[in-house]
Amino acid sequence: MTVTGIGEIAPSAGLAPRVLDLFASPRGPTLEQAICAQLALPDIEIVSSGTAALLVALTWLKRQSPRRKVIIPAYTCPLVVRAVASAGLVAVPCDTVAAGFELDARHLDRLLDRDTLAVVPTHYGGVLTDVAHVTRVARARSPEIAIIEDAAQAFGATWQGRSVGLAGDIGLFSFGAGKGFTIYEGGGLVAREPGTLAGVRQVAAELASGSLLREAHRALLLAGYHAAYNRLGLSAVYGAPKRFWLGRGDEVRAANDDVPPRVVVHRVGPWRKAVGRAALARLPAHLAAARDRFARLATKIAAIPGLKVHLPVPGAEPSATFVFVTLPPSAASEATIRGLWASPLGVTKLFSRAIVDYPHLEPWVLRTETPNARALAATTLTVSTHRDFDPAAEAAVLAALREACAGAA
């Protein structure tokens, strides 16, 4: 395939940082107030990461119930398992529907039992999930089962005109790098009921470390992110490590799926919040541009026979940070996925495999049969909607995908 330009195209459409953000005044509305005003949320609690947000939510739920199982998508981030394990709970993977990302309702119904504490329906940067449907399936079994809406990749996304995050009992966002809006690391917790958020907020305060050293490190990383968020910088901090591990056949590390052994909760300092508040003002325009690029790119990819482009259902507006594309299972597709992933063209695998297939997660996962999620992970890649994904990069990616489908046919 043809490699275009110099450096690396980001694998997702992040909100471009500006140097002036680093000098934002801490005076005026807080980041929490700005988020609530922009997304029409009643309240939000900001913690150190999306994973920390999930840990806080699960810890609060665990205190309300003796139940110990948490049902998660079989196609999700390994950090979800770490959060479940850190809360002293057991992760139970639920299969996805065939060739899709929604939880399989029949498999979910079989997994639900008297020990089920929560179900975690998940949104992705390219598609959203029907949380209300998952809620109906779970509540038909027991009204005591909590629904945690994982919107880590979906900050700014809407469902039927309303922000995601409030369709379940508790919702969580991530402000990590690559998620669109970022303060390098950070997360948010929301809830439908004020009492629920008050309880979650209390747990967050109990678990949070006030380490100034840790926050100073995060602040330094945020400043570095501003310096490195360009094609040359990304080539060094993202592209080179990715190609190093792919060259050694280690897809887990190439996808950054080798998650840390424990989840740390700490307070986000006022400077990072001020930087985030300054950047947040540009988010609506950024989302509109990303969605426009998403629509154009998805149309072009969908025109290639043999490919499946995953589009949001009517009424769903994802954050559109990338387009999900599933290739037909074949040796040609496998070679194309490996080649595009190793290239600097903004193509990657979101997760390297299904949750049950990560050896380092085995002690914390109740093994279930999830063939759809396994097939999805093996044949699906993401194509960036970043503004650097120019016509030359687009042409190279489309040509590679056409060749893969021709080889499969």
Protein backbone atom coordinates (compact mmCIF):
# COMPACT_ATOMS: atom_id res chain seq x y z
CA MET A 1 0.00 0.00 0.00
CA THR A 2 1.04 3.60 -0.54
CA VAL A 3 2.14 5.52 2.52
CA THR A 4 1.28 9.20 2.28
CA GLY A 5 2.77 12.25 3.96
CA ILE A 6 5.28 12.39 6.81
CA GLY A 7 4.46 11.08 10.26
CA GLU A 8 1.42 9.34 11.72
CA ILE A 9 -2.29 10.06 11.31
CA ALA A 10 -4.07 9.80 14.66
CA PRO A 11 -6.28 6.67 14.84
CA SER A 12 -9.22 8.73 16.12
CA ALA A 13 -10.47 12.29 15.70
CA GLY A 14 -9.26 14.06 18.80
CA LEU A 15 -10.12 17.66 19.60
CA ALA A 16 -7.01 19.52 18.47
CA PRO A 17 -5.24 21.17 21.43
CA ARG A 18 -4.16 24.82 21.35
CA VAL A 19 -1.21 26.34 23.18
CA LEU A 20 -3.44 29.09 24.58
CA ASP A 21 -5.44 26.41 26.44
CA LEU A 22 -2.40 25.86 28.64
CA PHE A 23 -2.69 29.43 29.89
CA ALA A 24 -6.42 29.33 30.64
CA SER A 25 -7.48 31.21 33.76
CA PRO A 26 -8.89 29.09 36.60
CA ARG A 27 -11.45 31.84 37.23
CA GLY A 28 -14.99 31.68 35.92
CA PRO A 29 -17.19 28.60 35.48
CA THR A 30 -15.69 25.29 36.55
CA LEU A 31 -15.13 22.48 34.07
CA GLU A 32 -18.03 20.65 35.70
CA GLN A 33 -20.34 23.64 35.18
CA ALA A 34 -19.20 24.08 31.58
CA ILE A 35 -19.82 20.41 30.76
CA CYS A 36 -23.28 20.43 32.32
CA ALA A 37 -24.21 23.61 30.46
CA GLN A 38 -22.99 22.31 27.12
CA LEU A 39 -24.48 18.80 27.35
CA ALA A 40 -27.58 19.69 29.42
CA LEU A 41 -26.51 17.36 32.24
CA PRO A 42 -27.85 17.90 35.77
CA ASP A 43 -24.49 17.30 37.45
CA ILE A 44 -21.17 15.55 36.93
CA GLU A 45 -18.37 14.27 39.14
CA ILE A 46 -14.89 14.38 37.60
CA VAL A 47 -12.37 11.70 38.54
CA SER A 48 -8.96 10.65 37.28
CA SER A 49 -10.02 8.36 34.38
CA GLY A 50 -12.92 6.52 32.82
CA THR A 51 -11.62 3.33 34.45
CA ALA A 52 -11.57 5.05 37.84
CA ALA A 53 -15.13 6.21 37.19
CA LEU A 54 -16.23 2.61 36.62
CA LEU A 55 -14.42 1.46 39.77
CA VAL A 56 -16.15 4.18 41.81
CA ALA A 57 -19.57 3.29 40.39
CA LEU A 58 -19.11 -0.43 41.05
CA THR A 59 -17.80 0.17 44.57
CA TRP A 60 -20.91 2.21 45.39
CA LEU A 61 -23.22 -0.47 43.94
CA LYS A 62 -21.37 -3.21 45.81
CA ARG A 63 -22.14 -1.44 49.08
CA GLN A 64 -25.84 -1.54 48.26
CA SER A 65 -26.08 -5.25 47.42
CA PRO A 66 -24.55 -8.67 48.13
CA ARG A 67 -24.55 -9.48 44.40
CA ARG A 68 -21.13 -9.95 42.83
CA LYS A 69 -21.38 -10.46 39.04
CA VAL A 70 -21.00 -7.68 36.47
CA ILE A 71 -22.01 -8.45 32.87
CA ILE A 72 -19.80 -6.66 30.34
CA PRO A 73 -19.59 -6.78 26.53
CA ALA A 74 -17.32 -9.51 25.23
CA TYR A 75 -15.93 -6.84 22.88
CA THR A 76 -14.69 -4.09 25.15
CA CYS A 77 -11.60 -2.53 26.67
CA PRO A 78 -9.56 -4.78 29.01
CA LEU A 79 -9.54 -1.89 31.50
CA VAL A 80 -13.20 -2.67 32.16
CA VAL A 81 -12.16 -6.04 33.56
CA ARG A 82 -9.51 -4.38 35.73
CA ALA A 83 -12.09 -2.01 37.18
CA VAL A 84 -14.48 -4.88 37.94
CA ALA A 85 -11.70 -6.90 39.57
CA SER A 86 -10.47 -3.89 41.56
CA ALA A 87 -13.97 -3.54 43.00
CA GLY A 88 -13.79 -7.17 44.18
CA LEU A 89 -16.34 -8.35 41.62
CA VAL A 90 -16.44 -10.89 38.77
CA ALA A 91 -16.65 -9.89 35.11
CA VAL A 92 -19.05 -11.96 32.98
CA PRO A 93 -18.65 -11.38 29.20
CA CYS A 94 -21.84 -11.26 27.14
CA ASP A 95 -21.63 -11.97 23.42
CA THR A 96 -22.49 -9.34 20.85
CA VAL A 97 -25.07 -9.79 18.13
CA ALA A 98 -23.71 -11.34 14.93
CA ALA A 99 -21.55 -8.80 13.06
CA GLY A 100 -22.53 -6.03 15.45
CA PHE A 101 -21.77 -4.34 18.76
CA GLU A 102 -25.09 -4.56 20.62
CA LEU A 103 -25.29 -7.10 23.44
CA ASP A 104 -26.97 -10.32 22.32
CA ALA A 105 -30.28 -10.21 24.20
CA ARG A 106 -30.66 -14.00 24.32
CA HIS A 107 -27.17 -14.54 25.68
CA LEU A 108 -27.69 -11.70 28.16
CA ASP A 109 -30.91 -13.27 29.39
CA ARG A 110 -29.14 -16.60 29.98
CA LEU A 111 -26.35 -14.91 31.94
CA LEU A 112 -28.60 -12.91 34.25
CA ASP A 113 -29.13 -14.54 37.64
CA ARG A 114 -29.61 -13.75 41.33
CA ASP A 115 -25.96 -12.81 41.67
CA THR A 116 -25.97 -10.20 38.87
CA LEU A 117 -25.14 -6.78 40.31
CA ALA A 118 -24.91 -4.74 37.10
CA VAL A 119 -24.87 -4.78 33.31
CA VAL A 120 -22.55 -2.46 31.38
CA PRO A 121 -23.91 -1.60 27.89
CA THR A 122 -21.23 0.23 25.96
CA HIS A 123 -21.07 3.00 23.37
CA TYR A 124 -18.21 3.24 20.88
CA GLY A 125 -16.69 6.11 18.93
CA GLY A 126 -18.44 5.02 15.75
CA VAL A 127 -21.71 3.49 16.98
CA LEU A 128 -23.98 3.76 20.02
CA THR A 129 -25.87 1.00 21.81
CA ASP A 130 -29.56 0.87 22.76
CA VAL A 131 -29.29 1.15 26.55
CA ALA A 132 -33.07 1.15 27.01
CA HIS A 133 -33.30 -2.28 25.34
CA VAL A 134 -30.61 -3.71 27.61
CA THR A 135 -32.42 -2.22 30.61
CA ARG A 136 -35.70 -3.91 29.63
CA VAL A 137 -33.99 -7.31 29.33
CA ALA A 138 -32.23 -6.94 32.70
CA ARG A 139 -35.20 -5.52 34.62
CA ALA A 140 -37.44 -8.32 33.35
CA ARG A 141 -35.24 -10.59 35.46
CA SER A 142 -34.77 -8.30 38.46
CA PRO A 143 -35.38 -4.62 39.21
CA GLU A 144 -32.31 -4.73 41.48
CA ILE A 145 -29.88 -5.09 38.56
CA ALA A 146 -28.13 -1.76 37.93
CA ILE A 147 -27.34 -0.43 34.47
CA ILE A 148 -23.99 1.34 34.06
CA GLU A 149 -23.86 3.17 30.73
CA ASP A 150 -20.27 3.05 29.50
CA ALA A 151 -19.92 6.19 27.39
CA ALA A 152 -16.13 6.35 27.74
CA GLN A 153 -15.77 6.78 23.96
CA ALA A 154 -18.92 8.84 23.54
CA PHE A 155 -18.50 12.19 25.29
CA GLY A 156 -20.62 14.64 23.30
CA ALA A 157 -22.66 11.88 21.62
CA THR A 158 -26.45 12.03 21.68
CA TRP A 159 -29.30 9.51 21.58
CA GLN A 160 -32.62 10.88 20.34
CA GLY A 161 -31.30 14.41 20.87
CA ARG A 162 -30.13 13.93 24.47
CA SER A 163 -26.63 13.37 25.79
CA VAL A 164 -25.67 9.78 26.38
CA GLY A 165 -24.93 8.82 29.98
CA LEU A 166 -28.36 9.25 31.56
CA ALA A 167 -30.19 6.27 30.04
CA GLY A 168 -28.87 3.91 32.73
CA ASP A 169 -28.64 4.29 36.49
CA ILE A 170 -25.05 5.56 36.28
CA GLY A 171 -23.15 6.84 33.25
CA LEU A 172 -19.45 7.34 32.77
CA PHE A 173 -17.24 9.26 30.36
CA SER A 174 -13.53 9.21 29.64
CA PHE A 175 -11.41 12.27 28.94
CA GLY A 176 -8.33 10.24 28.05
CA ALA A 177 -6.14 10.80 25.01
CA GLY A 178 -7.80 9.61 21.81
CA LYS A 179 -11.35 10.01 23.13
CA GLY A 180 -12.09 13.34 21.41
CA PHE A 181 -12.20 15.80 24.29
CA THR A 182 -9.29 15.19 26.64
CA ILE A 183 -7.43 16.47 29.68
CA TYR A 184 -4.97 13.66 28.91
CA GLU A 185 -6.44 11.47 31.66
CA GLY A 186 -9.75 12.06 33.32
CA GLY A 187 -13.26 10.73 33.59
CA GLY A 188 -16.77 11.79 34.52
CA LEU A 189 -19.67 10.23 36.41
CA VAL A 190 -23.34 11.13 35.92
CA ALA A 191 -26.58 9.65 37.22
CA ARG A 192 -30.32 10.03 36.65
CA GLU A 193 -31.06 10.29 40.37
CA PRO A 194 -29.36 12.98 42.50
CA GLY A 195 -29.12 10.56 45.41
CA THR A 196 -27.17 8.10 43.29
CA LEU A 197 -24.66 10.72 42.21
CA ALA A 198 -24.32 11.91 45.81
CA GLY A 199 -23.44 8.36 46.88
CA VAL A 200 -21.01 7.91 44.00
CA ARG A 201 -19.40 11.27 44.80
CA GLN A 202 -18.84 10.21 48.40
CA VAL A 203 -17.15 6.98 47.27
CA ALA A 204 -14.97 8.95 44.86
CA ALA A 205 -13.83 11.18 47.72
CA GLU A 206 -13.03 8.14 49.87
CA LEU A 207 -11.03 6.34 47.18
CA ALA A 208 -9.21 9.35 45.74
CA SER A 209 -5.60 10.03 46.45
CA GLY A 210 -4.56 13.66 46.81
CA SER A 211 -1.02 12.92 45.63
CA LEU A 212 0.48 16.14 44.29
CA LEU A 213 3.22 14.15 42.58
CA ARG A 214 0.72 12.06 40.63
CA GLU A 215 -1.22 15.13 39.52
CA ALA A 216 2.01 16.91 38.57
CA HIS A 217 2.88 13.91 36.39
CA ARG A 218 -0.52 14.08 34.67
CA ALA A 219 -0.11 17.83 34.14
CA LEU A 220 3.28 17.21 32.53
CA LEU A 221 1.74 14.58 30.25
CA LEU A 222 -1.01 17.00 29.25
CA ALA A 223 1.58 19.61 28.30
CA GLY A 224 3.47 16.95 26.37
CA TYR A 225 0.26 15.96 24.60
CA HIS A 226 -0.06 19.52 23.31
CA ALA A 227 3.49 19.31 21.97
CA ALA A 228 3.18 15.84 20.42
CA TYR A 229 -0.33 16.00 18.93
CA ASN A 230 0.85 16.28 15.32
CA ARG A 231 1.90 13.78 12.68
CA LEU A 232 5.58 13.81 13.64
CA GLY A 233 4.93 13.62 17.37
CA LEU A 234 2.39 10.83 16.99
CA SER A 235 4.85 8.86 14.88
CA ALA A 236 7.27 8.84 17.80
CA VAL A 237 4.94 8.28 20.75
CA TYR A 238 2.28 6.11 19.06
CA GLY A 239 3.36 4.81 15.65
CA ALA A 240 6.84 3.58 16.51
CA PRO A 241 5.77 1.51 19.57
CA LYS A 242 2.81 0.11 17.62
CA ARG A 243 5.03 -1.07 14.76
CA PHE A 244 7.62 -2.42 17.20
CA TRP A 245 5.11 -4.73 18.85
CA LEU A 246 3.36 -5.68 15.62
CA GLY A 247 6.74 -6.64 14.20
CA ARG A 248 7.13 -9.04 17.11
CA GLY A 249 3.66 -10.50 16.70
CA ASP A 250 2.36 -8.99 19.95
CA GLU A 251 -1.02 -7.51 19.01
CA VAL A 252 -2.01 -7.06 22.66
CA ARG A 253 0.77 -4.56 23.30
CA ALA A 254 0.37 -2.99 19.86
CA ALA A 255 -3.24 -2.16 20.79
CA ASN A 256 -2.24 -0.98 24.30
CA ASP A 257 -4.36 -3.79 25.72
CA ASP A 258 -1.72 -4.76 28.30
CA VAL A 259 -3.47 -2.84 31.04
CA PRO A 260 -1.92 -1.99 34.47
CA PRO A 261 -2.57 -4.40 37.35
CA ARG A 262 -4.55 -1.93 39.48
CA VAL A 263 -6.79 1.08 39.05
CA VAL A 264 -5.75 4.30 40.78
CA VAL A 265 -8.26 6.99 41.70
CA HIS A 266 -6.90 10.48 42.30
CA ARG A 267 -8.13 14.05 42.18
CA VAL A 268 -7.84 16.12 39.01
CA GLY A 269 -6.13 19.44 39.74
CA PRO A 270 -7.51 22.91 38.92
CA TRP A 271 -4.97 23.60 36.15
CA ARG A 272 -5.97 20.56 34.07
CA LYS A 273 -9.63 21.42 34.60
CA ALA A 274 -9.00 24.98 33.40
CA VAL A 275 -7.22 23.67 30.29
CA GLY A 276 -10.16 21.34 29.65
CA ARG A 277 -12.71 24.11 30.09
CA ALA A 278 -10.91 26.25 27.49
CA ALA A 279 -10.84 23.37 24.98
CA LEU A 280 -14.47 22.42 25.67
CA ALA A 281 -15.72 25.57 23.96
CA ARG A 282 -14.47 24.14 20.63
CA LEU A 283 -16.07 20.72 21.08
CA PRO A 284 -19.41 21.35 19.28
CA ALA A 285 -17.65 22.54 16.10
CA HIS A 286 -15.19 19.64 16.34
CA LEU A 287 -18.00 17.08 16.65
CA ALA A 288 -19.86 18.56 13.70
CA ALA A 289 -16.74 18.34 11.51
CA ALA A 290 -15.96 14.78 12.66
CA ARG A 291 -19.52 13.64 11.91
CA ASP A 292 -19.33 15.20 8.45
CA ARG A 293 -16.06 13.38 7.72
CA PHE A 294 -17.58 10.18 9.17
CA ALA A 295 -20.57 10.35 6.80
CA ARG A 296 -18.44 10.96 3.70
CA LEU A 297 -15.90 8.28 4.56
CA ALA A 298 -18.52 5.68 5.52
CA THR A 299 -20.31 6.20 2.20
CA LYS A 300 -17.12 5.60 0.22
CA ILE A 301 -16.14 2.49 2.18
CA ALA A 302 -19.66 1.05 2.00
CA ALA A 303 -19.44 1.19 -1.80
CA ILE A 304 -16.80 -1.58 -1.72
CA PRO A 305 -18.56 -4.96 -2.16
CA GLY A 306 -17.91 -7.41 0.66
CA LEU A 307 -17.30 -4.86 3.43
CA LYS A 308 -19.62 -4.07 6.31
CA VAL A 309 -19.58 -0.48 7.51
CA HIS A 310 -21.16 -0.06 10.94
CA LEU A 311 -23.47 2.95 10.88
CA PRO A 312 -25.37 4.50 13.80
CA VAL A 313 -29.09 3.79 13.94
CA PRO A 314 -31.50 6.68 13.25
CA GLY A 315 -31.54 9.11 16.15
CA ALA A 316 -28.05 8.16 17.32
CA GLU A 317 -25.21 10.68 16.91
CA PRO A 318 -21.91 9.12 18.02
CA SER A 319 -18.77 11.10 18.70
CA ALA A 320 -17.66 9.84 15.24
CA THR A 321 -14.00 9.58 16.14
CA PHE A 322 -13.59 6.67 13.68
CA VAL A 323 -15.52 4.38 11.32
CA PHE A 324 -15.86 0.66 12.15
CA VAL A 325 -15.28 -1.60 9.12
CA THR A 326 -15.65 -5.40 9.14
CA LEU A 327 -13.86 -7.38 6.43
CA PRO A 328 -14.89 -10.82 5.14
CA PRO A 329 -13.00 -13.60 6.95
CA SER A 330 -10.10 -14.67 4.72
CA ALA A 331 -6.33 -14.81 4.56
CA ALA A 332 -6.39 -11.71 2.34
CA SER A 333 -8.37 -9.80 4.95
CA GLU A 334 -5.99 -10.83 7.72
CA ALA A 335 -3.02 -9.61 5.69
CA THR A 336 -4.76 -6.32 4.90
CA ILE A 337 -5.65 -5.71 8.54
CA ARG A 338 -2.06 -6.34 9.59
CA GLY A 339 -0.70 -4.10 6.84
CA LEU A 340 -3.07 -1.19 7.48
CA TRP A 341 -2.60 -1.45 11.24
CA ALA A 342 1.17 -1.22 10.86
CA SER A 343 0.89 1.73 8.47
CA PRO A 344 0.75 5.40 9.54
CA LEU A 345 -2.61 5.86 7.78
CA GLY A 346 -4.88 6.18 10.83
CA VAL A 347 -6.16 2.58 10.78
CA THR A 348 -6.09 0.31 13.81
CA LYS A 349 -7.88 -2.44 15.70
CA LEU A 350 -9.75 -0.91 18.61
CA PHE A 351 -9.27 -4.06 20.69
CA SER A 352 -6.93 -6.83 19.64
CA ARG A 353 -9.27 -9.66 20.64
CA ALA A 354 -12.42 -10.64 22.51
CA ILE A 355 -12.26 -10.32 26.31
CA VAL A 356 -12.18 -14.08 26.93
CA ASP A 357 -9.05 -14.37 24.78
CA TYR A 358 -6.71 -12.17 26.84
CA PRO A 359 -4.50 -14.54 28.87
CA HIS A 360 -3.61 -11.89 31.46
CA LEU A 361 -7.31 -11.34 32.27
CA GLU A 362 -8.22 -15.01 32.85
CA PRO A 363 -8.20 -14.87 36.69
CA TRP A 364 -10.87 -12.12 36.73
CA VAL A 365 -13.18 -13.25 33.92
CA LEU A 366 -15.89 -15.88 34.11
CA ARG A 367 -15.38 -17.70 30.81
CA THR A 368 -18.39 -17.75 28.48
CA GLU A 369 -18.82 -18.67 24.84
CA THR A 370 -18.72 -15.48 22.75
CA PRO A 371 -18.21 -16.49 19.10
CA ASN A 372 -19.72 -13.30 17.64
CA ALA A 373 -17.44 -11.03 19.64
CA ARG A 374 -14.45 -13.17 18.73
CA ALA A 375 -15.26 -12.93 15.01
CA LEU A 376 -15.87 -9.20 15.33
CA ALA A 377 -12.50 -8.62 16.98
CA ALA A 378 -10.69 -10.71 14.38
CA THR A 379 -12.14 -9.02 11.28
CA THR A 380 -12.94 -5.43 12.32
CA LEU A 381 -10.73 -2.39 12.07
CA THR A 382 -11.29 1.32 12.58
CA VAL A 383 -10.56 4.08 10.08
CA SER A 384 -9.82 7.50 11.53
CA THR A 385 -11.99 10.55 10.91
CA HIS A 386 -9.14 12.85 11.97
CA ARG A 387 -8.68 16.00 9.92
CA ASP A 388 -5.23 14.73 8.83
CA PHE A 389 -6.91 11.79 7.08
CA ASP A 390 -6.49 13.53 3.74
CA PRO A 391 -7.53 12.41 0.22
CA ALA A 392 -4.19 10.66 -0.36
CA ALA A 393 -4.53 8.60 2.85
CA GLU A 394 -8.16 7.88 2.01
CA ALA A 395 -7.24 6.64 -1.45
CA ALA A 396 -4.53 4.35 -0.05
CA VAL A 397 -6.86 2.83 2.55
CA LEU A 398 -9.71 2.35 0.08
CA ALA A 399 -7.36 0.66 -2.39
CA ALA A 400 -6.13 -1.75 0.29
CA LEU A 401 -9.70 -2.59 1.32
CA ARG A 402 -10.72 -3.23 -2.30
CA GLU A 403 -7.74 -5.53 -2.75
CA ALA A 404 -8.66 -7.44 0.40
CA CYS A 405 -12.24 -7.98 -0.76
CA ALA A 406 -11.08 -9.04 -4.21
CA GLY A 407 -8.72 -11.55 -2.62
CA ALA A 408 -11.48 -12.87 -0.36
CA ALA A 409 -13.83 -13.28 -3.33
